[in-house]
Protein backbone atom coordinates (compact mmCIF):
# COMPACT_ATOMS: atom_id res chain seq x y z
CA MET A 1 -40.72 90.74 67.18
CA ASP A 2 -39.85 91.73 70.75
CA GLU A 3 -38.32 94.95 69.49
CA ASP A 4 -41.56 95.89 67.69
CA ARG A 5 -43.61 95.14 70.82
CA LEU A 6 -41.22 97.25 72.90
CA LYS A 7 -41.55 100.14 70.44
CA GLN A 8 -45.33 99.89 70.53
CA GLU A 9 -45.32 99.95 74.35
CA LYS A 10 -43.09 103.05 74.35
CA VAL A 11 -45.32 104.75 71.79
CA GLN A 12 -48.37 103.91 73.86
CA ARG A 13 -46.76 105.34 77.03
CA PHE A 14 -45.82 108.53 75.16
CA GLU A 15 -49.33 108.88 73.74
CA GLU A 16 -50.87 108.33 77.18
CA PHE A 17 -48.56 110.98 78.63
CA VAL A 18 -49.69 113.46 75.99
CA ASP A 19 -53.39 112.60 76.36
CA ARG A 20 -53.57 112.25 80.14
CA ARG A 21 -51.10 114.88 81.26
CA LEU A 22 -49.98 117.42 78.68
CA LYS A 23 -53.28 118.04 76.88
CA PRO A 24 -55.27 118.54 80.14
CA ASP A 25 -52.49 120.82 81.43
CA LEU A 26 -52.72 122.84 78.21
CA VAL A 27 -56.52 123.13 78.41
CA ASN A 28 -56.26 124.20 82.05
CA ALA A 29 -53.57 126.81 81.37
CA ILE A 30 -55.59 128.30 78.50
CA ALA A 31 -58.72 128.42 80.71
CA GLN A 32 -56.79 130.13 83.51
CA ARG A 33 -55.35 132.69 81.10
CA ASP A 34 -58.86 133.34 79.73
CA LYS A 35 -60.07 134.06 83.28
CA VAL A 36 -57.29 136.62 83.70
CA PHE A 37 -58.24 138.17 80.34
CA GLU A 38 -61.82 138.52 81.65
CA GLN A 39 -60.58 140.22 84.82
CA GLN A 40 -58.42 142.52 82.72
CA LYS A 41 -61.47 143.52 80.66
CA VAL A 42 -63.52 144.27 83.80
CA PHE A 43 -60.83 146.61 85.11
CA SER A 44 -60.34 148.20 81.71
CA ASP A 45 -64.10 148.89 81.46
CA LEU A 46 -64.17 150.30 84.98
CA LYS A 47 -61.23 152.57 84.21
CA ARG A 48 -62.91 153.84 81.05
CA ASN A 49 -66.18 154.48 82.94
CA ILE A 50 -64.42 156.40 85.70
CA GLU A 51 -62.52 158.48 83.14
CA ASN A 52 -65.80 159.24 81.32
CA LEU A 53 -67.48 160.29 84.58
CA ARG A 54 -64.54 162.53 85.42
CA LYS A 55 -64.26 163.98 81.88
CA ASN A 56 -67.98 164.80 81.72
CA GLY A 57 -68.22 166.00 85.32
CA VAL A 58 -70.97 163.51 86.13
CA THR A 59 -71.36 163.49 89.93
CA SER A 60 -74.78 161.81 90.07
CA LEU A 61 -76.74 159.55 87.76
CA ARG A 62 -79.77 157.33 87.33
CA MET A 63 -79.28 153.85 85.92
CA MET A 64 -80.79 150.38 85.57
CA VAL A 65 -79.24 147.78 87.89
CA ASN A 66 -79.41 144.02 87.30
CA LEU A 67 -80.62 142.41 90.54
CA GLY A 68 -79.98 138.94 89.15
CA SER A 69 -81.85 136.56 86.88
CA GLU A 70 -82.25 139.45 84.44
CA VAL A 71 -84.46 141.38 86.88
CA TYR A 72 -83.69 145.12 86.73
CA MET A 73 -84.62 148.13 88.77
CA GLN A 74 -83.90 151.81 88.47
CA ALA A 75 -81.29 153.17 90.87
CA ASP A 76 -80.23 156.70 91.74
CA VAL A 77 -76.54 157.26 92.46
CA PRO A 78 -76.40 160.57 94.33
CA ASP A 79 -72.59 160.81 94.42
CA THR A 80 -70.49 159.02 91.80
CA ARG A 81 -67.26 160.51 93.13
CA HIS A 82 -66.98 157.64 95.62
CA ILE A 83 -67.27 154.12 94.24
CA PHE A 84 -66.91 150.63 95.64
CA VAL A 85 -64.42 148.39 93.84
CA ASP A 86 -64.21 144.62 94.20
CA VAL A 87 -60.65 144.05 95.43
CA GLY A 88 -60.99 140.27 95.59
CA LEU A 89 -62.13 137.57 97.99
CA GLY A 90 -65.57 139.20 98.15
CA PHE A 91 -64.27 142.47 99.61
CA HIS A 92 -65.27 145.87 98.22
CA VAL A 93 -63.37 149.04 99.08
CA GLU A 94 -64.69 152.57 98.76
CA PHE A 95 -62.43 154.68 96.56
CA THR A 96 -62.44 158.16 95.13
CA TRP A 97 -61.99 158.28 91.35
CA SER A 98 -58.26 158.96 91.72
CA GLU A 99 -57.77 156.17 94.25
CA ALA A 100 -59.72 153.75 92.06
CA LEU A 101 -57.66 154.64 88.99
CA GLU A 102 -54.44 154.11 90.97
CA PHE A 103 -55.69 150.73 92.24
CA ILE A 104 -56.76 149.72 88.72
CA SER A 105 -53.35 150.64 87.33
CA ILE A 106 -51.61 148.40 89.89
CA ARG A 107 -54.09 145.58 89.28
CA GLU A 108 -53.75 145.85 85.48
CA ALA A 109 -49.97 145.53 85.76
CA ARG A 110 -50.36 142.39 87.89
CA LEU A 111 -52.89 140.90 85.47
CA ALA A 112 -50.57 141.63 82.53
CA ARG A 113 -47.78 139.73 84.32
CA GLN A 114 -50.14 136.79 84.94
CA ILE A 115 -51.15 136.72 81.28
CA GLU A 116 -47.49 136.72 80.29
CA GLU A 117 -46.77 133.83 82.69
CA TYR A 118 -49.69 131.77 81.37
CA THR A 119 -48.68 132.50 77.77
CA HIS A 120 -45.16 131.27 78.56
CA LEU A 121 -46.57 128.15 80.28
CA ILE A 122 -48.84 127.44 77.30
CA ALA A 123 -45.89 127.75 74.91
CA ASN A 124 -43.84 125.35 77.08
CA ILE A 125 -46.62 122.75 77.16
CA LYS A 126 -47.05 123.00 73.38
CA ALA A 127 -43.29 122.53 72.97
CA GLN A 128 -43.39 119.44 75.22
CA ILE A 129 -46.24 117.98 73.16
CA LYS A 130 -44.29 118.61 69.96
CA LEU A 131 -41.16 117.02 71.49
CA VAL A 132 -43.07 113.89 72.53
CA CYS A 133 -44.68 113.65 69.09
CA GLU A 134 -41.23 113.89 67.50
CA GLY A 135 -40.08 111.09 69.82
CA ILE A 136 -43.00 108.94 68.72
CA ARG A 137 -42.20 109.68 65.07
CA GLU A 138 -38.58 108.63 65.62
CA LEU A 139 -39.61 105.42 67.34
CA LEU A 140 -41.90 104.54 64.46
CA GLN A 141 -39.31 105.79 61.97
CA LEU A 142 -41.83 108.01 60.22
CA PRO A 143 -40.75 110.95 58.06
CA ALA A 144 -40.90 114.37 59.75
CA GLU A 145 -43.87 116.56 58.86
């Protein structure tokens, strides 16, 4: 009887480890990777817009700007050849199209590395969960799935 109780305690500790540590770590890593994917999309869209401006020779434009809370106003951009890019921490830097494209290229490479790191971390956490589940199965002497 003591052996069964000991097994149950071990199983409970393993299950708590999965539920309290590994699963939250997995959710967090996926959320962090999703944030990096969002940043990657922003830079990809900006790159495409700059390339379209350059390709079509658009040096000025009129557009609707969201002021917040879905309130818009019309804005004139007299010179599109110089743009301000959010470089992080609330700072915006004025770039020419070429400078912006170079910055975006560097940033995209960094974001791709971050995505790769998070993907690797996610795979490791999933492997740990599987390993613990296999340990529980062995303790309970259940057939493998």
